[in-house]
Amino acid sequence: MLIGTLAGVGMCFYQGENLTTIIAALYEGSSIETGNAVVDKLLNRGGLLFHDGNYLISYVCLSIWRCY
């Protein structure tokens, strides 16, 4: 998962995005408008902000624990 995230960040830099935009997309998720409310709701979910609080805490703790 980490390698995929780093590869995606690298590709965003390659396409000319700045670091602020990349971090906001990782944290809040992307923002896509298709004109269809159902599709917009499905596609605009994501990012760390929209995870359940308990899941987010355990994910961060396990990520830190795996670094040691």
N, C-alpha and C. Protein backbone atom coordinates (compact mmCIF):
# COMPACT_ATOMS: atom_id res chain seq x y z
N MET A 1 0.83 -1.18 0.00
CA MET A 1 0.00 0.00 0.00
C MET A 1 0.88 1.25 0.00
N LEU A 2 1.95 1.21 0.75
CA LEU A 2 2.84 2.37 0.82
C LEU A 2 3.52 2.62 -0.52
N ILE A 3 3.94 1.55 -1.18
CA ILE A 3 4.59 1.70 -2.49
C ILE A 3 3.60 2.28 -3.51
N GLY A 4 2.37 1.83 -3.48
CA GLY A 4 1.35 2.36 -4.37
C GLY A 4 1.06 3.83 -4.11
N THR A 5 1.02 4.21 -2.83
CA THR A 5 0.79 5.61 -2.48
C THR A 5 1.94 6.49 -2.95
N LEU A 6 3.16 6.03 -2.71
CA LEU A 6 4.33 6.80 -3.16
C LEU A 6 4.40 6.89 -4.67
N ALA A 7 4.04 5.82 -5.37
CA ALA A 7 4.02 5.86 -6.83
C ALA A 7 2.96 6.86 -7.33
N GLY A 8 1.80 6.86 -6.69
CA GLY A 8 0.75 7.81 -7.06
C GLY A 8 1.15 9.25 -6.81
N VAL A 9 1.81 9.51 -5.68
CA VAL A 9 2.30 10.85 -5.38
C VAL A 9 3.34 11.27 -6.41
N GLY A 10 4.23 10.34 -6.77
CA GLY A 10 5.23 10.64 -7.79
C GLY A 10 4.60 10.98 -9.13
N MET A 11 3.55 10.26 -9.50
CA MET A 11 2.87 10.55 -10.77
C MET A 11 2.16 11.90 -10.72
N CYS A 12 1.64 12.28 -9.55
CA CYS A 12 1.01 13.61 -9.41
C CYS A 12 2.04 14.70 -9.60
N PHE A 13 3.24 14.52 -9.03
CA PHE A 13 4.31 15.49 -9.26
C PHE A 13 4.68 15.55 -10.73
N TYR A 14 4.72 14.40 -11.39
CA TYR A 14 5.05 14.33 -12.81
C TYR A 14 4.03 15.09 -13.65
N GLN A 15 2.75 15.07 -13.23
CA GLN A 15 1.69 15.76 -13.96
C GLN A 15 1.59 17.23 -13.59
N GLY A 16 2.44 17.71 -12.67
CA GLY A 16 2.50 19.13 -12.38
C GLY A 16 1.71 19.59 -11.17
N GLU A 17 1.21 18.68 -10.34
CA GLU A 17 0.48 19.08 -9.14
C GLU A 17 1.46 19.50 -8.05
N ASN A 18 1.00 20.39 -7.17
CA ASN A 18 1.87 20.80 -6.06
C ASN A 18 1.59 19.94 -4.82
N LEU A 19 2.47 20.02 -3.85
CA LEU A 19 2.39 19.17 -2.66
C LEU A 19 1.12 19.42 -1.86
N THR A 20 0.67 20.66 -1.78
CA THR A 20 -0.54 21.00 -1.02
C THR A 20 -1.77 20.29 -1.60
N THR A 21 -1.89 20.29 -2.91
CA THR A 21 -3.01 19.64 -3.57
C THR A 21 -2.97 18.13 -3.37
N ILE A 22 -1.78 17.55 -3.42
CA ILE A 22 -1.63 16.11 -3.26
C ILE A 22 -2.01 15.69 -1.85
N ILE A 23 -1.52 16.41 -0.84
CA ILE A 23 -1.84 16.07 0.55
C ILE A 23 -3.33 16.25 0.82
N ALA A 24 -3.93 17.30 0.27
CA ALA A 24 -5.38 17.51 0.45
C ALA A 24 -6.17 16.37 -0.19
N ALA A 25 -5.74 15.89 -1.34
CA ALA A 25 -6.44 14.77 -1.98
C ALA A 25 -6.30 13.49 -1.17
N LEU A 26 -5.13 13.25 -0.58
CA LEU A 26 -4.94 12.06 0.24
C LEU A 26 -5.77 12.14 1.52
N TYR A 27 -5.87 13.33 2.09
CA TYR A 27 -6.56 13.48 3.37
C TYR A 27 -8.08 13.57 3.19
N GLU A 28 -8.52 14.38 2.23
CA GLU A 28 -9.95 14.64 2.06
C GLU A 28 -10.58 13.82 0.94
N GLY A 29 -9.80 13.26 0.05
CA GLY A 29 -10.34 12.55 -1.11
C GLY A 29 -10.45 13.49 -2.29
N SER A 30 -10.75 12.94 -3.42
CA SER A 30 -10.84 13.76 -4.63
C SER A 30 -12.21 14.40 -4.74
N SER A 31 -12.33 15.37 -5.63
CA SER A 31 -13.60 16.05 -5.86
C SER A 31 -13.93 15.96 -7.34
N ILE A 32 -14.98 15.21 -7.67
CA ILE A 32 -15.38 14.99 -9.06
C ILE A 32 -16.84 15.36 -9.19
N GLU A 33 -17.16 16.14 -10.22
CA GLU A 33 -18.55 16.50 -10.50
C GLU A 33 -18.94 15.97 -11.87
N THR A 34 -19.93 15.06 -11.89
CA THR A 34 -20.37 14.46 -13.14
C THR A 34 -21.73 14.99 -13.60
N GLY A 35 -22.46 15.64 -12.72
CA GLY A 35 -23.80 16.10 -13.04
C GLY A 35 -24.87 15.14 -12.54
N ASN A 36 -24.50 13.94 -12.15
CA ASN A 36 -25.41 12.96 -11.61
C ASN A 36 -25.16 12.86 -10.11
N ALA A 37 -26.16 13.12 -9.29
CA ALA A 37 -25.99 13.19 -7.84
C ALA A 37 -25.54 11.85 -7.25
N VAL A 38 -26.07 10.75 -7.75
CA VAL A 38 -25.72 9.43 -7.22
C VAL A 38 -24.26 9.11 -7.53
N VAL A 39 -23.83 9.37 -8.75
CA VAL A 39 -22.45 9.09 -9.15
C VAL A 39 -21.49 10.02 -8.41
N ASP A 40 -21.87 11.29 -8.24
CA ASP A 40 -21.03 12.23 -7.50
C ASP A 40 -20.83 11.77 -6.06
N LYS A 41 -21.90 11.29 -5.42
CA LYS A 41 -21.79 10.82 -4.04
C LYS A 41 -20.87 9.60 -3.95
N LEU A 42 -20.94 8.72 -4.93
CA LEU A 42 -20.11 7.52 -4.94
C LEU A 42 -18.65 7.86 -5.18
N LEU A 43 -18.36 8.77 -6.11
CA LEU A 43 -16.99 9.08 -6.48
C LEU A 43 -16.30 10.04 -5.51
N ASN A 44 -17.04 10.85 -4.79
CA ASN A 44 -16.44 11.85 -3.92
C ASN A 44 -16.21 11.36 -2.50
N ARG A 45 -16.39 10.08 -2.26
CA ARG A 45 -16.06 9.52 -0.95
C ARG A 45 -14.60 9.09 -0.98
N GLY A 46 -13.94 9.18 0.15
CA GLY A 46 -12.56 8.70 0.19
C GLY A 46 -11.68 9.63 0.99
N GLY A 47 -10.42 9.27 1.09
CA GLY A 47 -9.48 10.04 1.88
C GLY A 47 -9.53 9.61 3.34
N LEU A 48 -8.52 9.98 4.08
CA LEU A 48 -8.45 9.60 5.49
C LEU A 48 -9.54 10.26 6.32
N LEU A 49 -9.99 11.43 5.92
CA LEU A 49 -10.99 12.17 6.68
C LEU A 49 -12.32 11.44 6.75
N PHE A 50 -12.66 10.65 5.73
CA PHE A 50 -13.97 10.02 5.67
C PHE A 50 -14.00 8.60 6.23
N HIS A 51 -12.88 8.14 6.77
CA HIS A 51 -12.87 6.84 7.42
C HIS A 51 -13.49 6.97 8.81
N ASP A 52 -13.97 5.87 9.30
CA ASP A 52 -14.50 5.83 10.66
C ASP A 52 -13.38 6.16 11.64
N GLY A 53 -13.67 6.87 12.68
CA GLY A 53 -12.66 7.31 13.64
C GLY A 53 -11.85 6.18 14.24
N ASN A 54 -12.52 5.09 14.63
CA ASN A 54 -11.80 3.95 15.21
C ASN A 54 -10.89 3.30 14.18
N TYR A 55 -11.36 3.18 12.96
CA TYR A 55 -10.54 2.59 11.91
C TYR A 55 -9.31 3.46 11.66
N LEU A 56 -9.50 4.76 11.62
CA LEU A 56 -8.39 5.68 11.35
C LEU A 56 -7.34 5.61 12.46
N ILE A 57 -7.78 5.57 13.71
CA ILE A 57 -6.83 5.49 14.83
C ILE A 57 -6.04 4.19 14.76
N SER A 58 -6.73 3.07 14.53
CA SER A 58 -6.01 1.79 14.47
C SER A 58 -5.09 1.73 13.26
N TYR A 59 -5.49 2.30 12.14
CA TYR A 59 -4.65 2.31 10.94
C TYR A 59 -3.37 3.11 11.18
N VAL A 60 -3.48 4.27 11.79
CA VAL A 60 -2.31 5.11 12.07
C VAL A 60 -1.41 4.43 13.09
N CYS A 61 -1.99 3.85 14.13
CA CYS A 61 -1.18 3.16 15.15
C CYS A 61 -0.44 1.98 14.55
N LEU A 62 -1.11 1.19 13.74
CA LEU A 62 -0.44 0.05 13.12
C LEU A 62 0.63 0.49 12.13
N SER A 63 0.39 1.59 11.44
CA SER A 63 1.39 2.10 10.50
C SER A 63 2.64 2.55 11.25
N ILE A 64 2.45 3.22 12.38
CA ILE A 64 3.60 3.66 13.17
C ILE A 64 4.31 2.46 13.78
N TRP A 65 3.55 1.48 14.26
CA TRP A 65 4.14 0.30 14.88
C TRP A 65 4.97 -0.49 13.88
N ARG A 66 4.54 -0.55 12.62
CA ARG A 66 5.26 -1.30 11.60
C ARG A 66 6.58 -0.63 11.21
N CYS A 67 6.73 0.64 11.53
CA CYS A 67 7.98 1.36 11.20
C CYS A 67 9.11 0.97 12.14
N TYR A 68 8.82 0.40 13.29
CA TYR A 68 9.87 0.07 14.26
C TYR A 68 10.25 -1.37 14.19
